[in-house]
Structure formats: structure tokens, C-alpha cells
Amino acid sequence: MENIILKPILTEKMAELGESLNRYAFVVATDANKIQIKNAVENAYGVSVKAVNTSRHGGGKKKMKQTNRGLSFQRTKLIKKAIVTLDEGDTIDLYENI
């Protein structure tokens, strides 16, 4: 499976977690498991991963809205987020390519 890591999550909250607890967040493929995410982060950034926590957001109940063509049903897009905890001494510089 290619492209497990889709993009990093760059927010103020994640920047604080990166500095204090050595945690970084990524949007990952929805069918990737924790072992695949761990191997992808270790290969991409050259660090050792201590733990991986995942959560899925969106993709739930259909929402209905009224349009000029009638009723329209839509769902929010399903994303999977992985929060990766690194070992002591390892860091990832996500801002170097910006």
C-alpha cells in the first residue's frame, strides 16, 4: 500500500504537543493500521516511533439540504488521523519544506 501518510496536521495545538510531549499528527489513509503508520513515519522521517494513536472523523449520518433542484443528501468526508509519539531525543521538523 502506497501513500499511507497523506499530509501532516499543522495547527497551534499540535505545535504545542510537539514541543512538550513529542507528538505529531498526520492525516493517513483510511485503511492503514497502526503498524503500517509506524513503519511509514519511521521510513519517511528517520525517527523511532514509541506509540501510534488513531481516530476517524466524518463520514457519518447523511445531511439533507434544500436546493433549487430539490432535496440533496451529502455526507462529510471520512478522514483518519494518527497521532504519533516519538522516542526521547527524536524530533520531526515539519516546517523545513514550507
C-alpha atoms as a PDB file:
ATOM      1  CA  MET A   1       0.000   0.000   0.000  1.00  0.00           C
ATOM      2  CA  GLU A   2       1.474   3.283  -1.100  1.00  0.00           C
ATOM      3  CA  ASN A   3       0.894   6.770   0.295  1.00  0.00           C
ATOM      4  CA  ILE A   4      -0.012   5.923   3.864  1.00  0.00           C
ATOM      5  CA  ILE A   5       0.843   9.412   5.148  1.00  0.00           C
ATOM      6  CA  LEU A   6      -1.253  11.925   3.219  1.00  0.00           C
ATOM      7  CA  LYS A   7      -0.300  15.178   4.994  1.00  0.00           C
ATOM      8  CA  PRO A   8       0.812  16.484   8.394  1.00  0.00           C
ATOM      9  CA  ILE A   9      -1.588  18.430  10.595  1.00  0.00           C
ATOM     10  CA  LEU A  10      -0.061  21.849  11.248  1.00  0.00           C
ATOM     11  CA  THR A  11      -2.063  23.619  13.952  1.00  0.00           C
ATOM     12  CA  GLU A  12      -1.141  25.562  17.065  1.00  0.00           C
ATOM     13  CA  LYS A  13      -2.348  22.749  19.305  1.00  0.00           C
ATOM     14  CA  MET A  14      -0.204  20.176  17.507  1.00  0.00           C
ATOM     15  CA  ALA A  15       2.802  22.516  17.608  1.00  0.00           C
ATOM     16  CA  GLU A  16       2.464  22.706  21.402  1.00  0.00           C
ATOM     17  CA  LEU A  17       2.125  18.912  21.676  1.00  0.00           C
ATOM     18  CA  GLY A  18       5.212  18.505  19.500  1.00  0.00           C
ATOM     19  CA  GLU A  19       7.266  20.721  21.771  1.00  0.00           C
ATOM     20  CA  SER A  20       6.010  19.438  25.130  1.00  0.00           C
ATOM     21  CA  LEU A  21       5.125  15.749  24.609  1.00  0.00           C
ATOM     22  CA  ASN A  22       6.999  14.945  21.378  1.00  0.00           C
ATOM     23  CA  ARG A  23       3.763  14.100  19.484  1.00  0.00           C
ATOM     24  CA  TYR A  24       2.995  14.794  15.838  1.00  0.00           C
ATOM     25  CA  ALA A  25      -0.274  14.357  13.912  1.00  0.00           C
ATOM     26  CA  PHE A  26      -0.827  13.198  10.340  1.00  0.00           C
ATOM     27  CA  VAL A  27      -3.800  12.568   8.081  1.00  0.00           C
ATOM     28  CA  VAL A  28      -3.381   8.973   6.930  1.00  0.00           C
ATOM     29  CA  ALA A  29      -5.114   6.566   4.549  1.00  0.00           C
ATOM     30  CA  THR A  30      -8.403   5.286   5.966  1.00  0.00           C
ATOM     31  CA  ASP A  31      -7.452   1.615   5.544  1.00  0.00           C
ATOM     32  CA  ALA A  32      -3.986   1.879   7.159  1.00  0.00           C
ATOM     33  CA  ASN A  33      -3.379   0.191  10.508  1.00  0.00           C
ATOM     34  CA  LYS A  34      -1.063   1.292  13.332  1.00  0.00           C
ATOM     35  CA  ILE A  35       1.839  -0.931  12.274  1.00  0.00           C
ATOM     36  CA  GLN A  36       1.787   0.427   8.711  1.00  0.00           C
ATOM     37  CA  ILE A  37       1.600   4.018  10.018  1.00  0.00           C
ATOM     38  CA  LYS A  38       4.549   3.388  12.363  1.00  0.00           C
ATOM     39  CA  ASN A  39       6.690   1.938   9.558  1.00  0.00           C
ATOM     40  CA  ALA A  40       5.771   4.783   7.173  1.00  0.00           C
ATOM     41  CA  VAL A  41       6.732   7.501   9.687  1.00  0.00           C
ATOM     42  CA  GLU A  42       9.991   5.766  10.583  1.00  0.00           C
ATOM     43  CA  ASN A  43      10.959   5.399   6.906  1.00  0.00           C
ATOM     44  CA  ALA A  44       9.891   8.896   5.855  1.00  0.00           C
ATOM     45  CA  TYR A  45      11.476  10.884   8.705  1.00  0.00           C
ATOM     46  CA  GLY A  46      14.205   8.577  10.068  1.00  0.00           C
ATOM     47  CA  VAL A  47      12.926   8.547  13.664  1.00  0.00           C
ATOM     48  CA  SER A  48      11.858   5.814  16.078  1.00  0.00           C
ATOM     49  CA  VAL A  49       8.163   5.722  16.979  1.00  0.00           C
ATOM     50  CA  LYS A  50       7.086   4.913  20.520  1.00  0.00           C
ATOM     51  CA  ALA A  51       3.269   4.810  20.082  1.00  0.00           C
ATOM     52  CA  VAL A  52       0.560   5.446  17.484  1.00  0.00           C
ATOM     53  CA  ASN A  53      -2.988   6.572  18.330  1.00  0.00           C
ATOM     54  CA  THR A  54      -5.622   6.761  15.578  1.00  0.00           C
ATOM     55  CA  SER A  55      -9.090   8.272  15.238  1.00  0.00           C
ATOM     56  CA  ARG A  56     -11.638   8.512  12.438  1.00  0.00           C
ATOM     57  CA  HIS A  57     -13.645  11.689  11.772  1.00  0.00           C
ATOM     58  CA  GLY A  58     -16.583  12.362   9.482  1.00  0.00           C
ATOM     59  CA  GLY A  59     -18.356  10.029   7.097  1.00  0.00           C
ATOM     60  CA  GLY A  60     -21.354   9.719   9.371  1.00  0.00           C
ATOM     61  CA  LYS A  61     -25.033  10.415   9.029  1.00  0.00           C
ATOM     62  CA  LYS A  62     -26.381  11.887   5.796  1.00  0.00           C
ATOM     63  CA  LYS A  63     -27.253  15.548   5.972  1.00  0.00           C
ATOM     64  CA  MET A  64     -30.174  16.892   3.942  1.00  0.00           C
ATOM     65  CA  LYS A  65     -30.310  20.349   2.417  1.00  0.00           C
ATOM     66  CA  GLN A  66     -32.840  22.128   0.239  1.00  0.00           C
ATOM     67  CA  THR A  67     -31.640  23.317  -3.184  1.00  0.00           C
ATOM     68  CA  ASN A  68     -33.410  24.770  -6.199  1.00  0.00           C
ATOM     69  CA  ARG A  69     -33.426  21.273  -7.755  1.00  0.00           C
ATOM     70  CA  GLY A  70     -34.991  19.683  -4.682  1.00  0.00           C
ATOM     71  CA  LEU A  71     -33.575  17.803  -1.737  1.00  0.00           C
ATOM     72  CA  SER A  72     -29.898  16.948  -1.739  1.00  0.00           C
ATOM     73  CA  PHE A  73     -28.182  14.450   0.572  1.00  0.00           C
ATOM     74  CA  GLN A  74     -24.493  14.621   1.414  1.00  0.00           C
ATOM     75  CA  ARG A  75     -22.016  13.212   3.896  1.00  0.00           C
ATOM     76  CA  THR A  76     -18.859  14.701   5.315  1.00  0.00           C
ATOM     77  CA  LYS A  77     -15.648  13.173   4.034  1.00  0.00           C
ATOM     78  CA  LEU A  78     -14.166  10.385   6.161  1.00  0.00           C
ATOM     79  CA  ILE A  79     -10.607  11.081   7.335  1.00  0.00           C
ATOM     80  CA  LYS A  80      -8.317   9.126   9.611  1.00  0.00           C
ATOM     81  CA  LYS A  81      -5.948  10.996  11.914  1.00  0.00           C
ATOM     82  CA  ALA A  82      -2.871   9.450  13.525  1.00  0.00           C
ATOM     83  CA  ILE A  83      -1.056  10.981  16.495  1.00  0.00           C
ATOM     84  CA  VAL A  84       2.476   9.602  16.646  1.00  0.00           C
ATOM     85  CA  THR A  85       4.571   9.728  19.828  1.00  0.00           C
ATOM     86  CA  LEU A  86       8.339   9.642  19.243  1.00  0.00           C
ATOM     87  CA  ASP A  87      11.106   8.369  21.498  1.00  0.00           C
ATOM     88  CA  GLU A  88      13.152  10.786  23.592  1.00  0.00           C
ATOM     89  CA  GLY A  89      15.621  12.800  21.537  1.00  0.00           C
ATOM     90  CA  ASP A  90      13.835  12.350  18.190  1.00  0.00           C
ATOM     91  CA  THR A  91      12.100  15.289  16.521  1.00  0.00           C
ATOM     92  CA  ILE A  92      10.431  15.961  13.178  1.00  0.00           C
ATOM     93  CA  ASP A  93      10.849  19.362  11.526  1.00  0.00           C
ATOM     94  CA  LEU A  94       7.597  19.713   9.574  1.00  0.00           C
ATOM     95  CA  TYR A  95       8.244  23.367   8.707  1.00  0.00           C
ATOM     96  CA  GLU A  96      11.517  22.928   6.772  1.00  0.00           C
ATOM     97  CA  ASN A  97       9.808  22.497   3.356  1.00  0.00           C
ATOM     98  CA  ILE A  98       7.453  25.467   3.684  1.00  0.00           C
END
